[in-house]
Amino acid sequence: QVHLVESGGGLVQAGGSLRLSCAASGRTVSSYAMGWFRQ
């Protein structure tokens, strides 16, 4: 199994940029295809 923790979110003005990170523990992340979703 793998545990995932996102970081890097926040408040930004329109036209700006953010970089989100997803750190994994457990099995190496190379064992999986990865995706991002939003709600």
Full PDB file with SEQRES, HELIX, SHEET, SSBOND, CRYST1, ORIGX, SCALE, CONECT and MASTER records, all heavy atoms in Angstrom:
SEQRES   1 A   39  GLN VAL HIS LEU VAL GLU SER GLY GLY GLY LEU VAL GLN          
SEQRES   2 A   39  ALA GLY GLY SER LEU ARG LEU SER CYS ALA ALA SER GLY          
SEQRES   3 A   39  ARG THR VAL SER SER TYR ALA MET GLY TRP PHE ARG GLN          
HELIX    1 AA1 VAL A   29  SER A   31  5                                   3    
SHEET    1 AA1 2 VAL A   2  SER A   7  0                                        
SHEET    2 AA1 2 SER A  21  GLY A  26 -1                                        
CRYST1    1.000    1.000    1.000  90.00  90.00  90.00 P 1           1          
ORIGX1      1.000000  0.000000  0.000000        0.00000                         
ORIGX2      0.000000  1.000000  0.000000        0.00000                         
ORIGX3      0.000000  0.000000  1.000000        0.00000                         
SCALE1      1.000000  0.000000  0.000000        0.00000                         
SCALE2      0.000000  1.000000  0.000000        0.00000                         
SCALE3      0.000000  0.000000  1.000000        0.00000                         
ATOM      1  N   GLN A   1       0.821  -1.177   0.000  1.00  0.00           N  
ATOM      2  CA  GLN A   1       0.000   0.000   0.000  1.00  0.00           C  
ATOM      3  C   GLN A   1       0.874   1.253   0.000  1.00  0.00           C  
ATOM      4  O   GLN A   1       2.081   1.161   0.227  1.00  0.00           O  
ATOM      5  CB  GLN A   1      -0.956   0.029   1.198  1.00  0.00           C  
ATOM      6  CG  GLN A   1      -0.271   0.078   2.536  1.00  0.00           C  
ATOM      7  CD  GLN A   1      -1.274   0.146   3.678  1.00  0.00           C  
ATOM      8  OE1 GLN A   1      -2.478   0.015   3.473  1.00  0.00           O  
ATOM      9  NE2 GLN A   1      -0.775   0.332   4.879  1.00  0.00           N  
ATOM     10  N   VAL A   2       0.233   2.398  -0.248  1.00  0.00           N  
ATOM     11  CA  VAL A   2       0.948   3.657  -0.300  1.00  0.00           C  
ATOM     12  C   VAL A   2       0.115   4.740   0.389  1.00  0.00           C  
ATOM     13  O   VAL A   2      -1.116   4.763   0.290  1.00  0.00           O  
ATOM     14  CB  VAL A   2       1.264   4.045  -1.765  1.00  0.00           C  
ATOM     15  CG1 VAL A   2      -0.009   4.220  -2.575  1.00  0.00           C  
ATOM     16  CG2 VAL A   2       2.125   5.301  -1.816  1.00  0.00           C  
ATOM     17  N   HIS A   3       0.798   5.625   1.108  1.00  0.00           N  
ATOM     18  CA  HIS A   3       0.172   6.756   1.777  1.00  0.00           C  
ATOM     19  C   HIS A   3       0.580   8.030   1.043  1.00  0.00           C  
ATOM     20  O   HIS A   3       1.766   8.254   0.798  1.00  0.00           O  
ATOM     21  CB  HIS A   3       0.597   6.818   3.237  1.00  0.00           C  
ATOM     22  CG  HIS A   3       0.015   7.953   4.007  1.00  0.00           C  
ATOM     23  ND1 HIS A   3      -1.339   8.076   4.236  1.00  0.00           N  
ATOM     24  CD2 HIS A   3       0.608   9.027   4.596  1.00  0.00           C  
ATOM     25  CE1 HIS A   3      -1.561   9.162   4.938  1.00  0.00           C  
ATOM     26  NE2 HIS A   3      -0.404   9.758   5.174  1.00  0.00           N  
ATOM     27  N   LEU A   4      -0.393   8.869   0.697  1.00  0.00           N  
ATOM     28  CA  LEU A   4      -0.165  10.068  -0.094  1.00  0.00           C  
ATOM     29  C   LEU A   4      -0.542  11.311   0.691  1.00  0.00           C  
ATOM     30  O   LEU A   4      -1.598  11.354   1.326  1.00  0.00           O  
ATOM     31  CB  LEU A   4      -0.993  10.023  -1.383  1.00  0.00           C  
ATOM     32  CG  LEU A   4      -0.821   8.791  -2.276  1.00  0.00           C  
ATOM     33  CD1 LEU A   4      -1.830   8.818  -3.411  1.00  0.00           C  
ATOM     34  CD2 LEU A   4       0.602   8.729  -2.825  1.00  0.00           C  
ATOM     35  N   VAL A   5       0.310  12.341   0.632  1.00  0.00           N  
ATOM     36  CA  VAL A   5       0.056  13.605   1.309  1.00  0.00           C  
ATOM     37  C   VAL A   5       0.315  14.751   0.342  1.00  0.00           C  
ATOM     38  O   VAL A   5       1.446  14.925  -0.123  1.00  0.00           O  
ATOM     39  CB  VAL A   5       0.928  13.769   2.564  1.00  0.00           C  
ATOM     40  CG1 VAL A   5       0.656  15.126   3.217  1.00  0.00           C  
ATOM     41  CG2 VAL A   5       0.662  12.648   3.555  1.00  0.00           C  
ATOM     42  N   GLU A   6      -0.731  15.555   0.060  1.00  0.00           N  
ATOM     43  CA  GLU A   6      -0.592  16.715  -0.816  1.00  0.00           C  
ATOM     44  C   GLU A   6      -0.155  17.941  -0.023  1.00  0.00           C  
ATOM     45  O   GLU A   6      -0.470  18.077   1.161  1.00  0.00           O  
ATOM     46  CB  GLU A   6      -1.920  17.038  -1.526  1.00  0.00           C  
ATOM     47  CG  GLU A   6      -2.508  15.901  -2.342  1.00  0.00           C  
ATOM     48  CD  GLU A   6      -3.545  15.112  -1.575  1.00  0.00           C  
ATOM     49  OE1 GLU A   6      -3.471  15.067  -0.321  1.00  0.00           O  
ATOM     50  OE2 GLU A   6      -4.445  14.540  -2.224  1.00  0.00           O  
ATOM     51  N   SER A   7       0.537  18.857  -0.703  1.00  0.00           N  
ATOM     52  CA  SER A   7       0.910  20.137  -0.123  1.00  0.00           C  
ATOM     53  C   SER A   7       1.080  21.153  -1.237  1.00  0.00           C  
ATOM     54  O   SER A   7       1.116  20.799  -2.415  1.00  0.00           O  
ATOM     55  CB  SER A   7       2.193  20.019   0.700  1.00  0.00           C  
ATOM     56  OG  SER A   7       3.290  19.647  -0.118  1.00  0.00           O  
ATOM     57  N   GLY A   8       1.184  22.423  -0.871  1.00  0.00           N  
ATOM     58  CA  GLY A   8       1.446  23.479  -1.834  1.00  0.00           C  
ATOM     59  C   GLY A   8       0.253  24.319  -2.215  1.00  0.00           C  
ATOM     60  O   GLY A   8       0.401  25.287  -2.973  1.00  0.00           O  
ATOM     61  N   GLY A   9      -0.930  23.977  -1.726  1.00  0.00           N  
ATOM     62  CA  GLY A   9      -2.110  24.769  -2.024  1.00  0.00           C  
ATOM     63  C   GLY A   9      -2.080  26.101  -1.302  1.00  0.00           C  
ATOM     64  O   GLY A   9      -1.257  26.341  -0.417  1.00  0.00           O  
ATOM     65  N   GLY A  10      -2.991  26.989  -1.686  1.00  0.00           N  
ATOM     66  CA  GLY A  10      -3.070  28.292  -1.061  1.00  0.00           C  
ATOM     67  C   GLY A  10      -3.906  29.246  -1.875  1.00  0.00           C  
ATOM     68  O   GLY A  10      -4.664  28.841  -2.754  1.00  0.00           O  
ATOM     69  N   LEU A  11      -3.768  30.531  -1.567  1.00  0.00           N  
ATOM     70  CA  LEU A  11      -4.503  31.599  -2.242  1.00  0.00           C  
ATOM     71  C   LEU A  11      -3.597  32.278  -3.251  1.00  0.00           C  
ATOM     72  O   LEU A  11      -2.462  32.650  -2.925  1.00  0.00           O  
ATOM     73  CB  LEU A  11      -5.006  32.618  -1.218  1.00  0.00           C  
ATOM     74  CG  LEU A  11      -5.692  33.866  -1.764  1.00  0.00           C  
ATOM     75  CD1 LEU A  11      -6.986  33.499  -2.480  1.00  0.00           C  
ATOM     76  CD2 LEU A  11      -5.954  34.853  -0.630  1.00  0.00           C  
ATOM     77  N   VAL A  12      -4.092  32.454  -4.476  1.00  0.00           N  
ATOM     78  CA  VAL A  12      -3.320  33.086  -5.532  1.00  0.00           C  
ATOM     79  C   VAL A  12      -4.249  33.952  -6.383  1.00  0.00           C  
ATOM     80  O   VAL A  12      -5.441  33.659  -6.504  1.00  0.00           O  
ATOM     81  CB  VAL A  12      -2.601  32.023  -6.400  1.00  0.00           C  
ATOM     82  CG1 VAL A  12      -3.611  31.157  -7.143  1.00  0.00           C  
ATOM     83  CG2 VAL A  12      -1.617  32.661  -7.358  1.00  0.00           C  
ATOM     84  N   GLN A  13      -3.710  35.031  -6.953  1.00  0.00           N  
ATOM     85  CA  GLN A  13      -4.488  35.877  -7.838  1.00  0.00           C  
ATOM     86  C   GLN A  13      -4.639  35.231  -9.214  1.00  0.00           C  
ATOM     87  O   GLN A  13      -3.791  34.442  -9.645  1.00  0.00           O  
ATOM     88  CB  GLN A  13      -3.829  37.245  -7.994  1.00  0.00           C  
ATOM     89  CG  GLN A  13      -3.776  38.076  -6.729  1.00  0.00           C  
ATOM     90  CD  GLN A  13      -5.151  38.457  -6.232  1.00  0.00           C  
ATOM     91  OE1 GLN A  13      -5.511  38.167  -5.097  1.00  0.00           O  
ATOM     92  NE2 GLN A  13      -5.932  39.102  -7.086  1.00  0.00           N  
ATOM     93  N   ALA A  14      -5.725  35.558  -9.897  1.00  0.00           N  
ATOM     94  CA  ALA A  14      -5.927  35.068 -11.257  1.00  0.00           C  
ATOM     95  C   ALA A  14      -4.719  35.412 -12.125  1.00  0.00           C  
ATOM     96  O   ALA A  14      -4.183  36.517 -12.054  1.00  0.00           O  
ATOM     97  CB  ALA A  14      -7.191  35.661 -11.851  1.00  0.00           C  
ATOM     98  N   GLY A  15      -4.295  34.441 -12.924  1.00  0.00           N  
ATOM     99  CA  GLY A  15      -3.115  34.605 -13.753  1.00  0.00           C  
ATOM    100  C   GLY A  15      -1.830  34.147 -13.095  1.00  0.00           C  
ATOM    101  O   GLY A  15      -0.797  34.040 -13.772  1.00  0.00           O  
ATOM    102  N   GLY A  16      -1.884  33.849 -11.812  1.00  0.00           N  
ATOM    103  CA  GLY A  16      -0.717  33.416 -11.078  1.00  0.00           C  
ATOM    104  C   GLY A  16      -0.466  31.923 -11.192  1.00  0.00           C  
ATOM    105  O   GLY A  16      -1.145  31.215 -11.939  1.00  0.00           O  
ATOM    106  N   SER A  17       0.509  31.439 -10.413  1.00  0.00           N  
ATOM    107  CA  SER A  17       0.931  30.047 -10.480  1.00  0.00           C  
ATOM    108  C   SER A  17       1.051  29.432  -9.094  1.00  0.00           C  
ATOM    109  O   SER A  17       1.327  30.125  -8.110  1.00  0.00           O  
ATOM    110  CB  SER A  17       2.290  29.929 -11.181  1.00  0.00           C  
ATOM    111  OG  SER A  17       2.230  30.389 -12.517  1.00  0.00           O  
ATOM    112  N   LEU A  18       0.849  28.123  -9.032  1.00  0.00           N  
ATOM    113  CA  LEU A  18       1.095  27.328  -7.840  1.00  0.00           C  
ATOM    114  C   LEU A  18       1.689  25.997  -8.272  1.00  0.00           C  
ATOM    115  O   LEU A  18       1.411  25.515  -9.372  1.00  0.00           O  
ATOM    116  CB  LEU A  18      -0.183  27.067  -7.051  1.00  0.00           C  
ATOM    117  CG  LEU A  18      -0.764  28.184  -6.189  1.00  0.00           C  
ATOM    118  CD1 LEU A  18      -2.109  27.746  -5.625  1.00  0.00           C  
ATOM    119  CD2 LEU A  18       0.187  28.555  -5.064  1.00  0.00           C  
ATOM    120  N   ARG A  19       2.483  25.403  -7.396  1.00  0.00           N  
ATOM    121  CA  ARG A  19       3.031  24.073  -7.628  1.00  0.00           C  
ATOM    122  C   ARG A  19       2.611  23.161  -6.482  1.00  0.00           C  
ATOM    123  O   ARG A  19       3.015  23.380  -5.332  1.00  0.00           O  
ATOM    124  CB  ARG A  19       4.551  24.106  -7.722  1.00  0.00           C  
ATOM    125  CG  ARG A  19       5.182  22.778  -8.143  1.00  0.00           C  
ATOM    126  CD  ARG A  19       6.667  22.786  -7.856  1.00  0.00           C  
ATOM    127  NE  ARG A  19       7.374  21.690  -8.485  1.00  0.00           N  
ATOM    128  CZ  ARG A  19       8.579  21.270  -8.119  1.00  0.00           C  
ATOM    129  NH1 ARG A  19       9.219  21.875  -7.132  1.00  0.00           N  
ATOM    130  NH2 ARG A  19       9.156  20.255  -8.748  1.00  0.00           N  
ATOM    131  N   LEU A  20       1.794  22.171  -6.785  1.00  0.00           N  
ATOM    132  CA  LEU A  20       1.365  21.201  -5.793  1.00  0.00           C  
ATOM    133  C   LEU A  20       2.318  20.015  -5.769  1.00  0.00           C  
ATOM    134  O   LEU A  20       2.847  19.612  -6.801  1.00  0.00           O  
ATOM    135  CB  LEU A  20      -0.046  20.700  -6.101  1.00  0.00           C  
ATOM    136  CG  LEU A  20      -1.139  21.758  -6.249  1.00  0.00           C  
ATOM    137  CD1 LEU A  20      -2.490  21.084  -6.461  1.00  0.00           C  
ATOM    138  CD2 LEU A  20      -1.176  22.685  -5.049  1.00  0.00           C  
ATOM    139  N   SER A  21       2.528  19.459  -4.583  1.00  0.00           N  
ATOM    140  CA  SER A  21       3.358  18.275  -4.420  1.00  0.00           C  
ATOM    141  C   SER A  21       2.542  17.170  -3.771  1.00  0.00           C  
ATOM    142  O   SER A  21       1.644  17.432  -2.971  1.00  0.00           O  
ATOM    143  CB  SER A  21       4.577  18.577  -3.553  1.00  0.00           C  
ATOM    144  OG  SER A  21       5.416  19.538  -4.152  1.00  0.00           O  
ATOM    145  N   CYS A  22       2.862  15.939  -4.110  1.00  0.00           N  
ATOM    146  CA  CYS A  22       2.239  14.761  -3.515  1.00  0.00           C  
ATOM    147  C   CYS A  22       3.352  13.825  -3.098  1.00  0.00           C  
ATOM    148  O   CYS A  22       3.998  13.204  -3.944  1.00  0.00           O  
ATOM    149  CB  CYS A  22       1.292  14.094  -4.517  1.00  0.00           C  
ATOM    150  SG  CYS A  22       0.532  12.571  -3.918  1.00  0.00           S  
ATOM    151  N   ALA A  23       3.588  13.737  -1.796  1.00  0.00           N  
ATOM    152  CA  ALA A  23       4.643  12.897  -1.250  1.00  0.00           C  
ATOM    153  C   ALA A  23       4.078  11.536  -0.872  1.00  0.00           C  
ATOM    154  O   ALA A  23       3.036  11.445  -0.228  1.00  0.00           O  
ATOM    155  CB  ALA A  23       5.276  13.561  -0.038  1.00  0.00           C  
ATOM    156  N   ALA A  24       4.783  10.480  -1.258  1.00  0.00           N  
ATOM    157  CA  ALA A  24       4.325   9.118  -1.022  1.00  0.00           C  
ATOM    158  C   ALA A  24       5.213   8.405  -0.014  1.00  0.00           C  
ATOM    159  O   ALA A  24       6.430   8.626   0.035  1.00  0.00           O  
ATOM    160  CB  ALA A  24       4.301   8.329  -2.323  1.00  0.00           C  
ATOM    161  N   SER A  25       4.602   7.544   0.786  1.00  0.00           N  
ATOM    162  CA  SER A  25       5.332   6.656   1.677  1.00  0.00           C  
ATOM    163  C   SER A  25       4.757   5.251   1.530  1.00  0.00           C  
ATOM    164  O   SER A  25       3.651   5.073   1.040  1.00  0.00           O  
ATOM    165  CB  SER A  25       5.254   7.120   3.125  1.00  0.00           C  
ATOM    166  OG  SER A  25       3.912   7.148   3.583  1.00  0.00           O  
ATOM    167  N   GLY A  26       5.509   4.258   1.978  1.00  0.00           N  
ATOM    168  CA  GLY A  26       5.122   2.879   1.745  1.00  0.00           C  
ATOM    169  C   GLY A  26       5.844   2.366   0.511  1.00  0.00           C  
ATOM    170  O   GLY A  26       7.055   2.525   0.402  1.00  0.00           O  
ATOM    171  N   ARG A  27       5.096   1.767  -0.414  1.00  0.00           N  
ATOM    172  CA  ARG A  27       5.691   1.351  -1.672  1.00  0.00           C  
ATOM    173  C   ARG A  27       6.165   2.570  -2.455  1.00  0.00           C  
ATOM    174  O   ARG A  27       5.602   3.657  -2.326  1.00  0.00           O  
ATOM    175  CB  ARG A  27       4.703   0.539  -2.506  1.00  0.00           C  
ATOM    176  CG  ARG A  27       4.307  -0.793  -1.888  1.00  0.00           C  
ATOM    177  CD  ARG A  27       3.442  -1.602  -2.836  1.00  0.00           C  
ATOM    178  NE  ARG A  27       4.155  -1.979  -4.043  1.00  0.00           N  
ATOM    179  CZ  ARG A  27       4.915  -3.062  -4.168  1.00  0.00           C  
ATOM    180  NH1 ARG A  27       5.056  -3.902  -3.141  1.00  0.00           N  
ATOM    181  NH2 ARG A  27       5.526  -3.322  -5.306  1.00  0.00           N  
ATOM    182  N   THR A  28       7.177   2.389  -3.277  1.00  0.00           N  
ATOM    183  CA  THR A  28       7.691   3.494  -4.073  1.00  0.00           C  
ATOM    184  C   THR A  28       6.648   3.943  -5.083  1.00  0.00           C  
ATOM    185  O   THR A  28       5.889   3.135  -5.614  1.00  0.00           O  
ATOM    186  CB  THR A  28       8.975   3.097  -4.805  1.00  0.00           C  
ATOM    187  OG1 THR A  28       8.729   1.949  -5.624  1.00  0.00           O  
ATOM    188  CG2 THR A  28      10.078   2.772  -3.812  1.00  0.00           C  
ATOM    189  N   VAL A  29       6.627   5.244  -5.345  1.00  0.00           N  
ATOM    190  CA  VAL A  29       5.618   5.807  -6.236  1.00  0.00           C  
ATOM    191  C   VAL A  29       5.787   5.295  -7.658  1.00  0.00           C  
ATOM    192  O   VAL A  29       4.835   5.321  -8.445  1.00  0.00           O  
ATOM    193  CB  VAL A  29       5.664   7.351  -6.181  1.00  0.00           C  
ATOM    194  CG1 VAL A  29       6.901   7.882  -6.903  1.00  0.00           C  
ATOM    195  CG2 VAL A  29       4.396   7.956  -6.757  1.00  0.00           C  
ATOM    196  N   SER A  30       6.967   4.800  -8.012  1.00  0.00           N  
ATOM    197  CA  SER A  30       7.194   4.263  -9.352  1.00  0.00           C  
ATOM    198  C   SER A  30       6.369   3.012  -9.640  1.00  0.00           C  
ATOM    199  O   SER A  30       6.259   2.605 -10.795  1.00  0.00           O  
ATOM    200  CB  SER A  30       8.673   3.962  -9.568  1.00  0.00           C  
ATOM    201  OG  SER A  30       9.133   2.961  -8.671  1.00  0.00           O  
ATOM    202  N   SER A  31       5.797   2.410  -8.602  1.00  0.00           N  
ATOM    203  CA  SER A  31       4.958   1.230  -8.780  1.00  0.00           C  
ATOM    204  C   SER A  31       3.570   1.565  -9.315  1.00  0.00           C  
ATOM    205  O   SER A  31       2.820   0.655  -9.663  1.00  0.00           O  
ATOM    206  CB  SER A  31       4.804   0.484  -7.453  1.00  0.00           C  
ATOM    207  OG  SER A  31       6.059   0.034  -6.974  1.00  0.00           O  
ATOM    208  N   TYR A  32       3.219   2.853  -9.373  1.00  0.00           N  
ATOM    209  CA  TYR A  32       1.871   3.280  -9.704  1.00  0.00           C  
ATOM    210  C   TYR A  32       1.856   4.354 -10.780  1.00  0.00           C  
ATOM    211  O   TYR A  32       2.740   5.210 -10.836  1.00  0.00           O  
ATOM    212  CB  TYR A  32       1.171   3.850  -8.463  1.00  0.00           C  
ATOM    213  CG  TYR A  32       1.130   2.915  -7.285  1.00  0.00           C  
ATOM    214  CD1 TYR A  32       2.151   2.914  -6.342  1.00  0.00           C  
ATOM    215  CD2 TYR A  32       0.062   2.046  -7.109  1.00  0.00           C  
ATOM    216  CE1 TYR A  32       2.112   2.053  -5.260  1.00  0.00           C  
ATOM    217  CE2 TYR A  32       0.021   1.190  -6.031  1.00  0.00           C  
ATOM    218  CZ  TYR A  32       1.045   1.199  -5.109  1.00  0.00           C  
ATOM    219  OH  TYR A  32       0.997   0.347  -4.031  1.00  0.00           O  
ATOM    220  N   ALA A  33       0.821   4.303 -11.613  1.00  0.00           N  
ATOM    221  CA  ALA A  33       0.436   5.493 -12.347  1.00  0.00           C  
ATOM    222  C   ALA A  33      -0.202   6.466 -11.354  1.00  0.00           C  
ATOM    223  O   ALA A  33      -0.850   6.045 -10.395  1.00  0.00           O  
ATOM    224  CB  ALA A  33      -0.549   5.150 -13.464  1.00  0.00           C  
ATOM    225  N   MET A  34      -0.020   7.763 -11.573  1.00  0.00           N  
ATOM    226  CA  MET A  34      -0.508   8.765 -10.636  1.00  0.00           C  
ATOM    227  C   MET A  34      -1.460   9.731 -11.332  1.00  0.00           C  
ATOM    228  O   MET A  34      -1.337  10.001 -12.529  1.00  0.00           O  
ATOM    229  CB  MET A  34       0.656   9.554 -10.036  1.00  0.00           C  
ATOM    230  CG  MET A  34       1.672   8.701  -9.294  1.00  0.00           C  
ATOM    231  SD  MET A  34       0.973   7.909  -7.814  1.00  0.00           S  
ATOM    232  CE  MET A  34       0.577   9.346  -6.814  1.00  0.00           C  
ATOM    233  N   GLY A  35      -2.402  10.252 -10.562  1.00  0.00           N  
ATOM    234  CA  GLY A  35      -3.355  11.205 -11.101  1.00  0.00           C  
ATOM    235  C   GLY A  35      -3.647  12.332 -10.128  1.00  0.00           C  
ATOM    236  O   GLY A  35      -3.425  12.212  -8.920  1.00  0.00           O  
ATOM    237  N   TRP A  36      -4.137  13.435 -10.683  1.00  0.00           N  
ATOM    238  CA  TRP A  36      -4.656  14.552  -9.899  1.00  0.00           C  
ATOM    239  C   TRP A  36      -6.128  14.755 -10.238  1.00  0.00           C  
ATOM    240  O   TRP A  36      -6.505  14.737 -11.417  1.00  0.00           O  
ATOM    241  CB  TRP A  36      -3.906  15.850 -10.188  1.00  0.00           C  
ATOM    242  CG  TRP A  36      -2.530  15.918  -9.592  1.00  0.00           C  
ATOM    243  CD1 TRP A  36      -1.347  15.602 -10.201  1.00  0.00           C  
ATOM    244  CD2 TRP A  36      -2.191  16.355  -8.276  1.00  0.00           C  
ATOM    245  NE1 TRP A  36      -0.300  15.807  -9.338  1.00  0.00           N  
ATOM    246  CE2 TRP A  36      -0.793  16.272  -8.148  1.00  0.00           C  
ATOM    247  CE3 TRP A  36      -2.940  16.811  -7.186  1.00  0.00           C  
ATOM    248  CZ2 TRP A  36      -0.119  16.624  -6.975  1.00  0.00           C  
ATOM    249  CZ3 TRP A  36      -2.269  17.161  -6.018  1.00  0.00           C  
ATOM    250  CH2 TRP A  36      -0.883  17.058  -5.926  1.00  0.00           C  
ATOM    251  N   PHE A  37      -6.941  14.935  -9.207  1.00  0.00           N  
ATOM    252  CA  PHE A  37      -8.359  15.249  -9.340  1.00  0.00           C  
ATOM    253  C   PHE A  37      -8.662  16.493  -8.521  1.00  0.00           C  
ATOM    254  O   PHE A  37      -7.877  16.884  -7.662  1.00  0.00           O  
ATOM    255  CB  PHE A  37      -9.229  14.078  -8.862  1.00  0.00           C  
ATOM    256  CG  PHE A  37      -9.179  12.868  -9.747  1.00  0.00           C  
ATOM    257  CD1 PHE A  37      -8.082  12.015  -9.722  1.00  0.00           C  
ATOM    258  CD2 PHE A  37     -10.224  12.570 -10.603  1.00  0.00           C  
ATOM    259  CE1 PHE A  37      -8.030  10.900 -10.530  1.00  0.00           C  
ATOM    260  CE2 PHE A  37     -10.184  11.449 -11.423  1.00  0.00           C  
ATOM    261  CZ  PHE A  37      -9.090  10.616 -11.386  1.00  0.00           C  
ATOM    262  N   ARG A  38      -9.818  17.112  -8.770  1.00  0.00           N  
ATOM    263  CA  ARG A  38     -10.218  18.265  -7.972  1.00  0.00           C  
ATOM    264  C   ARG A  38     -11.721  18.240  -7.748  1.00  0.00           C  
ATOM    265  O   ARG A  38     -12.480  17.658  -8.522  1.00  0.00           O  
ATOM    266  CB  ARG A  38      -9.799  19.581  -8.637  1.00  0.00           C  
ATOM    267  CG  ARG A  38     -10.496  19.881  -9.964  1.00  0.00           C  
ATOM    268  CD  ARG A  38      -9.878  21.105 -10.623  1.00  0.00           C  
ATOM    269  NE  ARG A  38     -10.551  21.469 -11.852  1.00  0.00           N  
ATOM    270  CZ  ARG A  38     -10.140  22.425 -12.674  1.00  0.00           C  
ATOM    271  NH1 ARG A  38      -9.039  23.121 -12.395  1.00  0.00           N  
ATOM    272  NH2 ARG A  38     -10.820  22.697 -13.785  1.00  0.00           N  
ATOM    273  N   GLN A  39     -12.149  18.899  -6.666  1.00  0.00           N  
ATOM    274  CA  GLN A  39     -13.561  18.952  -6.322  1.00  0.00           C  
ATOM    275  C   GLN A  39     -13.900  20.312  -5.730  1.00  0.00           C  
ATOM    276  O   GLN A  39     -13.321  20.718  -4.723  1.00  0.00           O  
ATOM    277  CB  GLN A  39     -13.935  17.840  -5.341  1.00  0.00           C  
ATOM    278  CG  GLN A  39     -15.425  17.727  -5.084  1.00  0.00           C  
ATOM    279  CD  GLN A  39     -15.792  16.440  -4.359  1.00  0.00           C  
ATOM    280  OE1 GLN A  39     -14.959  15.839  -3.680  1.00  0.00           O  
ATOM    281  NE2 GLN A  39     -17.022  16.015  -4.495  1.00  0.00           N  
TER     282      GLN A  39                                                      
MASTER        0    0    0    1    2    0    0    6  281    1    0    3          
END                                                                             
